[in-house]
Amino acid sequence: MNQVTFADVAASVLRIVAFFVLPGAYVVAAWGTYRRWRMLGLAALWICSSLLFGYVSFRVVCGRPLTCDVGDPFSAHYLRYVGGFFTFVGATGFGLASALVLVRSRHSAGRFPRPSDIAFGALAGVAGWVVGILVLQALHV
């Protein structure tokens, strides 16, 4: 019989927390980047974050058994399809969070984002990820 252990529950809670912390941290970085380097810096951060999200997600997914087992699990074929999927998902999430940073930072005189800006940015990032997944599913990718 399979029993749920404390470690299983803790790992699940940690994944959920990380799901919101990552876009929240992106908002903090994007806020500072936009304040200092304006739109060019924000675009560079968005592109780099999306690519990094795609690559790390590819490594996590293909590092599990039975997910990318045909041939070399870390081949260019899997990088293109699995990594490309997650790069698009990351781009939609980080793009929506960036849009929120653009709107909210213009109405704020502070150097740092308020806690509400970070919270709304985290929600925007997660919502963008969901939209990205739905778009790719609708396109049958």
N, C-alpha and C. Protein backbone atom coordinates (compact mmCIF):
# COMPACT_ATOMS: atom_id res chain seq x y z
N MET A 1 0.84 -1.17 0.00
CA MET A 1 0.00 0.00 0.00
C MET A 1 0.89 1.24 0.00
N ASN A 2 0.55 2.21 -0.83
CA ASN A 2 1.30 3.46 -0.88
C ASN A 2 0.80 4.41 0.20
N GLN A 3 1.73 4.93 0.95
CA GLN A 3 1.38 5.90 1.98
C GLN A 3 2.04 7.23 1.64
N VAL A 4 1.33 8.28 1.94
CA VAL A 4 1.86 9.62 1.72
C VAL A 4 2.69 9.99 2.94
N THR A 5 3.93 10.35 2.69
CA THR A 5 4.82 10.71 3.79
C THR A 5 4.90 12.23 3.92
N PHE A 6 5.48 12.66 5.01
CA PHE A 6 5.69 14.09 5.22
C PHE A 6 6.56 14.68 4.12
N ALA A 7 7.56 13.92 3.67
CA ALA A 7 8.45 14.40 2.60
C ALA A 7 7.68 14.62 1.31
N ASP A 8 6.70 13.75 1.01
CA ASP A 8 5.89 13.93 -0.20
C ASP A 8 5.07 15.21 -0.12
N VAL A 9 4.47 15.44 1.03
CA VAL A 9 3.65 16.64 1.23
C VAL A 9 4.53 17.89 1.17
N ALA A 10 5.68 17.83 1.84
CA ALA A 10 6.59 18.98 1.85
C ALA A 10 7.08 19.29 0.44
N ALA A 11 7.38 18.26 -0.35
CA ALA A 11 7.84 18.48 -1.72
C ALA A 11 6.74 19.12 -2.56
N SER A 12 5.50 18.69 -2.37
CA SER A 12 4.38 19.27 -3.11
C SER A 12 4.16 20.73 -2.74
N VAL A 13 4.23 21.03 -1.45
CA VAL A 13 4.06 22.41 -0.99
C VAL A 13 5.19 23.28 -1.53
N LEU A 14 6.40 22.75 -1.52
CA LEU A 14 7.56 23.49 -2.03
C LEU A 14 7.40 23.81 -3.52
N ARG A 15 6.87 22.86 -4.29
CA ARG A 15 6.64 23.12 -5.72
C ARG A 15 5.62 24.23 -5.93
N ILE A 16 4.55 24.22 -5.14
CA ILE A 16 3.51 25.24 -5.27
C ILE A 16 4.07 26.61 -4.90
N VAL A 17 4.84 26.67 -3.81
CA VAL A 17 5.44 27.94 -3.39
C VAL A 17 6.40 28.45 -4.47
N ALA A 18 7.22 27.56 -5.02
CA ALA A 18 8.17 27.96 -6.06
C ALA A 18 7.45 28.45 -7.31
N PHE A 19 6.28 27.88 -7.56
CA PHE A 19 5.46 28.27 -8.72
C PHE A 19 5.11 29.75 -8.67
N PHE A 20 4.94 30.30 -7.46
CA PHE A 20 4.61 31.72 -7.31
C PHE A 20 5.84 32.58 -7.00
N VAL A 21 6.85 31.99 -6.38
CA VAL A 21 8.05 32.75 -6.03
C VAL A 21 8.85 33.13 -7.29
N LEU A 22 8.91 32.24 -8.24
CA LEU A 22 9.70 32.52 -9.45
C LEU A 22 9.19 33.76 -10.20
N PRO A 23 7.89 33.85 -10.52
CA PRO A 23 7.46 35.09 -11.18
C PRO A 23 7.52 36.31 -10.27
N GLY A 24 7.38 36.11 -8.95
CA GLY A 24 7.53 37.23 -8.02
C GLY A 24 8.96 37.77 -8.03
N ALA A 25 9.93 36.86 -8.04
CA ALA A 25 11.33 37.27 -8.13
C ALA A 25 11.61 37.94 -9.47
N TYR A 26 10.98 37.44 -10.52
CA TYR A 26 11.13 38.08 -11.83
C TYR A 26 10.64 39.52 -11.79
N VAL A 27 9.52 39.76 -11.13
CA VAL A 27 8.96 41.12 -11.04
C VAL A 27 9.95 42.05 -10.34
N VAL A 28 10.56 41.58 -9.26
CA VAL A 28 11.55 42.41 -8.55
C VAL A 28 12.73 42.73 -9.48
N ALA A 29 13.23 41.72 -10.19
CA ALA A 29 14.34 41.95 -11.12
C ALA A 29 13.93 42.85 -12.27
N ALA A 30 12.72 42.62 -12.79
CA ALA A 30 12.24 43.43 -13.91
C ALA A 30 12.03 44.88 -13.51
N TRP A 31 11.56 45.09 -12.29
CA TRP A 31 11.33 46.45 -11.79
C TRP A 31 12.64 47.23 -11.78
N GLY A 32 13.67 46.62 -11.18
CA GLY A 32 14.98 47.28 -11.13
C GLY A 32 15.60 47.46 -12.50
N THR A 33 15.44 46.46 -13.35
CA THR A 33 15.99 46.54 -14.71
C THR A 33 15.31 47.65 -15.50
N TYR A 34 14.00 47.73 -15.39
CA TYR A 34 13.26 48.76 -16.12
C TYR A 34 13.62 50.16 -15.61
N ARG A 35 13.77 50.29 -14.30
CA ARG A 35 14.14 51.60 -13.72
C ARG A 35 15.51 52.05 -14.21
N ARG A 36 16.41 51.10 -14.39
CA ARG A 36 17.78 51.47 -14.75
C ARG A 36 18.01 51.53 -16.26
N TRP A 37 17.55 50.49 -17.00
CA TRP A 37 17.86 50.40 -18.43
C TRP A 37 16.64 50.56 -19.33
N ARG A 38 15.52 50.88 -18.77
CA ARG A 38 14.26 51.11 -19.49
C ARG A 38 13.85 49.88 -20.32
N MET A 39 13.29 50.12 -21.47
CA MET A 39 12.67 49.05 -22.25
C MET A 39 13.68 48.05 -22.81
N LEU A 40 14.84 48.51 -23.21
CA LEU A 40 15.85 47.60 -23.77
C LEU A 40 16.29 46.59 -22.72
N GLY A 41 16.53 47.04 -21.52
CA GLY A 41 16.91 46.14 -20.44
C GLY A 41 15.81 45.17 -20.08
N LEU A 42 14.58 45.66 -20.06
CA LEU A 42 13.45 44.78 -19.74
C LEU A 42 13.27 43.72 -20.83
N ALA A 43 13.44 44.10 -22.08
CA ALA A 43 13.33 43.12 -23.18
C ALA A 43 14.44 42.08 -23.08
N ALA A 44 15.65 42.49 -22.76
CA ALA A 44 16.76 41.54 -22.61
C ALA A 44 16.50 40.59 -21.45
N LEU A 45 15.98 41.11 -20.33
CA LEU A 45 15.66 40.26 -19.19
C LEU A 45 14.56 39.27 -19.55
N TRP A 46 13.55 39.73 -20.27
CA TRP A 46 12.43 38.87 -20.68
C TRP A 46 12.93 37.72 -21.57
N ILE A 47 13.76 38.04 -22.55
CA ILE A 47 14.28 37.01 -23.46
C ILE A 47 15.16 36.03 -22.72
N CYS A 48 16.09 36.53 -21.92
CA CYS A 48 17.00 35.64 -21.19
C CYS A 48 16.25 34.77 -20.18
N SER A 49 15.29 35.34 -19.49
CA SER A 49 14.51 34.58 -18.51
C SER A 49 13.69 33.49 -19.19
N SER A 50 13.12 33.81 -20.33
CA SER A 50 12.32 32.83 -21.06
C SER A 50 13.18 31.68 -21.55
N LEU A 51 14.33 31.99 -22.11
CA LEU A 51 15.25 30.94 -22.57
C LEU A 51 15.75 30.08 -21.42
N LEU A 52 16.10 30.71 -20.32
CA LEU A 52 16.57 29.97 -19.15
C LEU A 52 15.45 29.09 -18.58
N PHE A 53 14.24 29.61 -18.52
CA PHE A 53 13.09 28.83 -18.05
C PHE A 53 12.88 27.61 -18.95
N GLY A 54 12.98 27.80 -20.26
CA GLY A 54 12.81 26.69 -21.19
C GLY A 54 13.89 25.64 -21.02
N TYR A 55 15.15 26.07 -20.88
CA TYR A 55 16.25 25.11 -20.76
C TYR A 55 16.19 24.35 -19.43
N VAL A 56 15.97 25.06 -18.35
CA VAL A 56 15.91 24.39 -17.04
C VAL A 56 14.72 23.44 -16.99
N SER A 57 13.58 23.87 -17.52
CA SER A 57 12.41 22.98 -17.55
C SER A 57 12.69 21.74 -18.38
N PHE A 58 13.35 21.91 -19.51
CA PHE A 58 13.76 20.78 -20.35
C PHE A 58 14.63 19.81 -19.57
N ARG A 59 15.61 20.33 -18.83
CA ARG A 59 16.50 19.45 -18.06
C ARG A 59 15.73 18.73 -16.95
N VAL A 60 14.78 19.41 -16.32
CA VAL A 60 14.00 18.78 -15.26
C VAL A 60 13.09 17.70 -15.84
N VAL A 61 12.38 18.02 -16.91
CA VAL A 61 11.45 17.05 -17.50
C VAL A 61 12.19 15.86 -18.08
N CYS A 62 13.23 16.09 -18.84
CA CYS A 62 13.94 14.99 -19.48
C CYS A 62 14.88 14.26 -18.52
N GLY A 63 15.06 14.78 -17.34
CA GLY A 63 15.87 14.09 -16.33
C GLY A 63 15.08 13.01 -15.60
N ARG A 64 13.77 12.98 -15.79
CA ARG A 64 12.92 11.97 -15.16
C ARG A 64 12.87 10.73 -16.04
N PRO A 65 12.72 9.55 -15.43
CA PRO A 65 12.61 8.34 -16.24
C PRO A 65 11.32 8.33 -17.07
N LEU A 66 11.41 7.72 -18.24
CA LEU A 66 10.28 7.49 -19.14
C LEU A 66 9.69 8.77 -19.74
N THR A 67 10.41 9.86 -19.76
CA THR A 67 9.88 11.07 -20.39
C THR A 67 10.57 11.35 -21.72
N CYS A 68 11.87 11.27 -21.75
CA CYS A 68 12.63 11.52 -22.97
C CYS A 68 13.63 10.37 -23.17
N ASP A 69 13.13 9.14 -23.12
CA ASP A 69 14.01 7.98 -23.09
C ASP A 69 14.44 7.45 -24.45
N VAL A 70 13.87 7.92 -25.53
CA VAL A 70 14.24 7.41 -26.84
C VAL A 70 15.53 8.09 -27.26
N GLY A 71 16.59 7.31 -27.41
CA GLY A 71 17.88 7.89 -27.75
C GLY A 71 18.46 8.62 -26.55
N ASP A 72 19.16 9.67 -26.80
CA ASP A 72 19.76 10.48 -25.74
C ASP A 72 18.71 11.44 -25.20
N PRO A 73 18.37 11.37 -23.89
CA PRO A 73 17.32 12.23 -23.37
C PRO A 73 17.66 13.71 -23.42
N PHE A 74 18.92 14.06 -23.55
CA PHE A 74 19.30 15.47 -23.59
C PHE A 74 19.77 15.88 -24.99
N SER A 75 19.20 15.25 -26.01
CA SER A 75 19.59 15.52 -27.39
C SER A 75 18.97 16.83 -27.88
N ALA A 76 19.44 17.26 -29.04
CA ALA A 76 18.91 18.49 -29.64
C ALA A 76 17.44 18.33 -30.02
N HIS A 77 17.03 17.12 -30.36
CA HIS A 77 15.63 16.88 -30.71
C HIS A 77 14.72 17.22 -29.52
N TYR A 78 15.04 16.69 -28.35
CA TYR A 78 14.21 16.97 -27.17
C TYR A 78 14.35 18.41 -26.72
N LEU A 79 15.55 18.96 -26.88
CA LEU A 79 15.74 20.37 -26.51
C LEU A 79 14.84 21.26 -27.36
N ARG A 80 14.74 20.95 -28.65
CA ARG A 80 13.92 21.76 -29.55
C ARG A 80 12.43 21.66 -29.18
N TYR A 81 11.94 20.48 -28.93
CA TYR A 81 10.50 20.32 -28.69
C TYR A 81 10.10 20.57 -27.24
N VAL A 82 10.78 19.95 -26.31
CA VAL A 82 10.44 20.15 -24.89
C VAL A 82 10.88 21.53 -24.44
N GLY A 83 12.12 21.90 -24.76
CA GLY A 83 12.62 23.21 -24.38
C GLY A 83 11.86 24.33 -25.06
N GLY A 84 11.50 24.14 -26.32
CA GLY A 84 10.73 25.16 -27.05
C GLY A 84 9.36 25.38 -26.44
N PHE A 85 8.72 24.29 -26.03
CA PHE A 85 7.41 24.39 -25.37
C PHE A 85 7.52 25.25 -24.12
N PHE A 86 8.48 24.92 -23.26
CA PHE A 86 8.60 25.66 -22.01
C PHE A 86 9.15 27.06 -22.20
N THR A 87 9.92 27.29 -23.25
CA THR A 87 10.38 28.65 -23.54
C THR A 87 9.20 29.54 -23.91
N PHE A 88 8.27 29.00 -24.71
CA PHE A 88 7.07 29.77 -25.06
C PHE A 88 6.22 30.03 -23.83
N VAL A 89 6.05 29.01 -23.00
CA VAL A 89 5.27 29.18 -21.77
C VAL A 89 5.92 30.24 -20.87
N GLY A 90 7.24 30.16 -20.73
CA GLY A 90 7.96 31.17 -19.94
C GLY A 90 7.83 32.56 -20.53
N ALA A 91 7.88 32.65 -21.86
CA ALA A 91 7.76 33.96 -22.52
C ALA A 91 6.40 34.59 -22.27
N THR A 92 5.34 33.78 -22.28
CA THR A 92 4.02 34.35 -22.02
C THR A 92 3.88 34.79 -20.56
N GLY A 93 4.39 33.97 -19.65
CA GLY A 93 4.30 34.33 -18.23
C GLY A 93 5.14 35.54 -17.89
N PHE A 94 6.39 35.52 -18.31
CA PHE A 94 7.27 36.66 -18.01
C PHE A 94 6.85 37.90 -18.80
N GLY A 95 6.26 37.70 -19.97
CA GLY A 95 5.76 38.84 -20.74
C GLY A 95 4.61 39.53 -20.05
N LEU A 96 3.67 38.75 -19.52
CA LEU A 96 2.55 39.35 -18.80
C LEU A 96 3.04 40.03 -17.51
N ALA A 97 3.99 39.41 -16.82
CA ALA A 97 4.56 40.04 -15.62
C ALA A 97 5.30 41.33 -16.00
N SER A 98 5.97 41.34 -17.15
CA SER A 98 6.66 42.56 -17.61
C SER A 98 5.67 43.66 -17.93
N ALA A 99 4.56 43.30 -18.54
CA ALA A 99 3.53 44.30 -18.84
C ALA A 99 3.01 44.92 -17.55
N LEU A 100 2.83 44.09 -16.53
CA LEU A 100 2.38 44.61 -15.24
C LEU A 100 3.42 45.55 -14.64
N VAL A 101 4.69 45.20 -14.77
CA VAL A 101 5.76 46.07 -14.27
C VAL A 101 5.73 47.42 -14.99
N LEU A 102 5.52 47.41 -16.30
CA LEU A 102 5.44 48.66 -17.06
C LEU A 102 4.32 49.55 -16.55
N VAL A 103 3.15 48.96 -16.34
CA VAL A 103 1.99 49.73 -15.90
C VAL A 103 2.16 50.23 -14.47
N ARG A 104 2.55 49.34 -13.57
CA ARG A 104 2.60 49.69 -12.16
C ARG A 104 3.79 50.59 -11.82
N SER A 105 4.92 50.45 -12.52
CA SER A 105 6.08 51.28 -12.18
C SER A 105 5.89 52.72 -12.60
N ARG A 106 5.05 52.96 -13.58
CA ARG A 106 4.78 54.35 -14.00
C ARG A 106 3.94 55.10 -12.98
N HIS A 107 3.21 54.36 -12.17
CA HIS A 107 2.35 54.97 -11.15
C HIS A 107 2.99 54.95 -9.77
N SER A 108 4.26 54.57 -9.71
CA SER A 108 4.94 54.46 -8.43
C SER A 108 6.21 55.31 -8.45
N ALA A 109 6.43 56.03 -7.38
CA ALA A 109 7.63 56.85 -7.28
C ALA A 109 8.78 56.09 -6.62
N GLY A 110 8.48 54.92 -6.05
CA GLY A 110 9.49 54.17 -5.31
C GLY A 110 10.49 53.46 -6.20
N ARG A 111 11.67 53.24 -5.64
CA ARG A 111 12.71 52.52 -6.36
C ARG A 111 12.43 51.03 -6.40
N PHE A 112 11.73 50.56 -5.39
CA PHE A 112 11.45 49.14 -5.27
C PHE A 112 9.95 48.89 -5.39
N PRO A 113 9.57 47.73 -5.89
CA PRO A 113 8.14 47.44 -6.00
C PRO A 113 7.50 47.24 -4.63
N ARG A 114 6.25 47.64 -4.52
CA ARG A 114 5.50 47.40 -3.29
C ARG A 114 5.15 45.91 -3.20
N PRO A 115 4.84 45.44 -2.01
CA PRO A 115 4.44 44.02 -1.90
C PRO A 115 3.25 43.68 -2.80
N SER A 116 2.32 44.61 -2.97
CA SER A 116 1.18 44.34 -3.85
C SER A 116 1.63 44.21 -5.30
N ASP A 117 2.65 44.98 -5.70
CA ASP A 117 3.18 44.86 -7.07
C ASP A 117 3.78 43.47 -7.29
N ILE A 118 4.50 42.99 -6.30
CA ILE A 118 5.12 41.66 -6.40
C ILE A 118 4.04 40.58 -6.44
N ALA A 119 3.03 40.71 -5.58
CA ALA A 119 1.96 39.72 -5.55
C ALA A 119 1.19 39.70 -6.86
N PHE A 120 0.81 40.88 -7.36
CA PHE A 120 0.08 40.93 -8.64
C PHE A 120 0.97 40.44 -9.78
N GLY A 121 2.25 40.75 -9.72
CA GLY A 121 3.17 40.26 -10.75
C GLY A 121 3.31 38.76 -10.73
N ALA A 122 3.35 38.17 -9.53
CA ALA A 122 3.43 36.71 -9.43
C ALA A 122 2.17 36.08 -10.01
N LEU A 123 1.02 36.65 -9.69
CA LEU A 123 -0.23 36.14 -10.26
C LEU A 123 -0.28 36.31 -11.77
N ALA A 124 0.22 37.44 -12.25
CA ALA A 124 0.26 37.68 -13.70
C ALA A 124 1.18 36.68 -14.39
N GLY A 125 2.32 36.40 -13.77
CA GLY A 125 3.24 35.42 -14.35
C GLY A 125 2.63 34.03 -14.42
N VAL A 126 1.98 33.60 -13.35
CA VAL A 126 1.34 32.29 -13.35
C VAL A 126 0.20 32.26 -14.37
N ALA A 127 -0.58 33.34 -14.43
CA ALA A 127 -1.66 33.41 -15.42
C ALA A 127 -1.11 33.35 -16.84
N GLY A 128 0.01 34.00 -17.07
CA GLY A 128 0.65 33.95 -18.38
C GLY A 128 1.13 32.56 -18.73
N TRP A 129 1.65 31.83 -17.74
CA TRP A 129 2.06 30.44 -17.99
C TRP A 129 0.86 29.59 -18.39
N VAL A 130 -0.25 29.79 -17.69
CA VAL A 130 -1.46 29.03 -18.01
C VAL A 130 -1.93 29.36 -19.42
N VAL A 131 -1.93 30.64 -19.77
CA VAL A 131 -2.33 31.05 -21.12
C VAL A 131 -1.40 30.43 -22.16
N GLY A 132 -0.10 30.45 -21.90
CA GLY A 132 0.85 29.85 -22.83
C GLY A 132 0.60 28.38 -23.06
N ILE A 133 0.32 27.65 -21.98
CA ILE A 133 0.01 26.22 -22.11
C ILE A 133 -1.27 26.02 -22.91
N LEU A 134 -2.29 26.82 -22.62
CA LEU A 134 -3.56 26.69 -23.34
C LEU A 134 -3.41 27.00 -24.83
N VAL A 135 -2.61 28.01 -25.15
CA VAL A 135 -2.38 28.35 -26.56
C VAL A 135 -1.68 27.20 -27.27
N LEU A 136 -0.65 26.65 -26.65
CA LEU A 136 0.07 25.55 -27.29
C LEU A 136 -0.80 24.30 -27.41
N GLN A 137 -1.65 24.05 -26.43
CA GLN A 137 -2.57 22.91 -26.54
C GLN A 137 -3.58 23.14 -27.65
N ALA A 138 -4.05 24.38 -27.81
CA ALA A 138 -4.99 24.69 -28.88
C ALA A 138 -4.34 24.52 -30.26
N LEU A 139 -3.04 24.78 -30.32
CA LEU A 139 -2.31 24.62 -31.58
C LEU A 139 -1.83 23.19 -31.78
N HIS A 140 -2.08 22.32 -30.81
CA HIS A 140 -1.67 20.90 -30.85
C HIS A 140 -0.17 20.75 -30.96
N VAL A 141 0.55 21.55 -30.21
CA VAL A 141 2.01 21.47 -30.21
C VAL A 141 2.45 20.55 -29.10
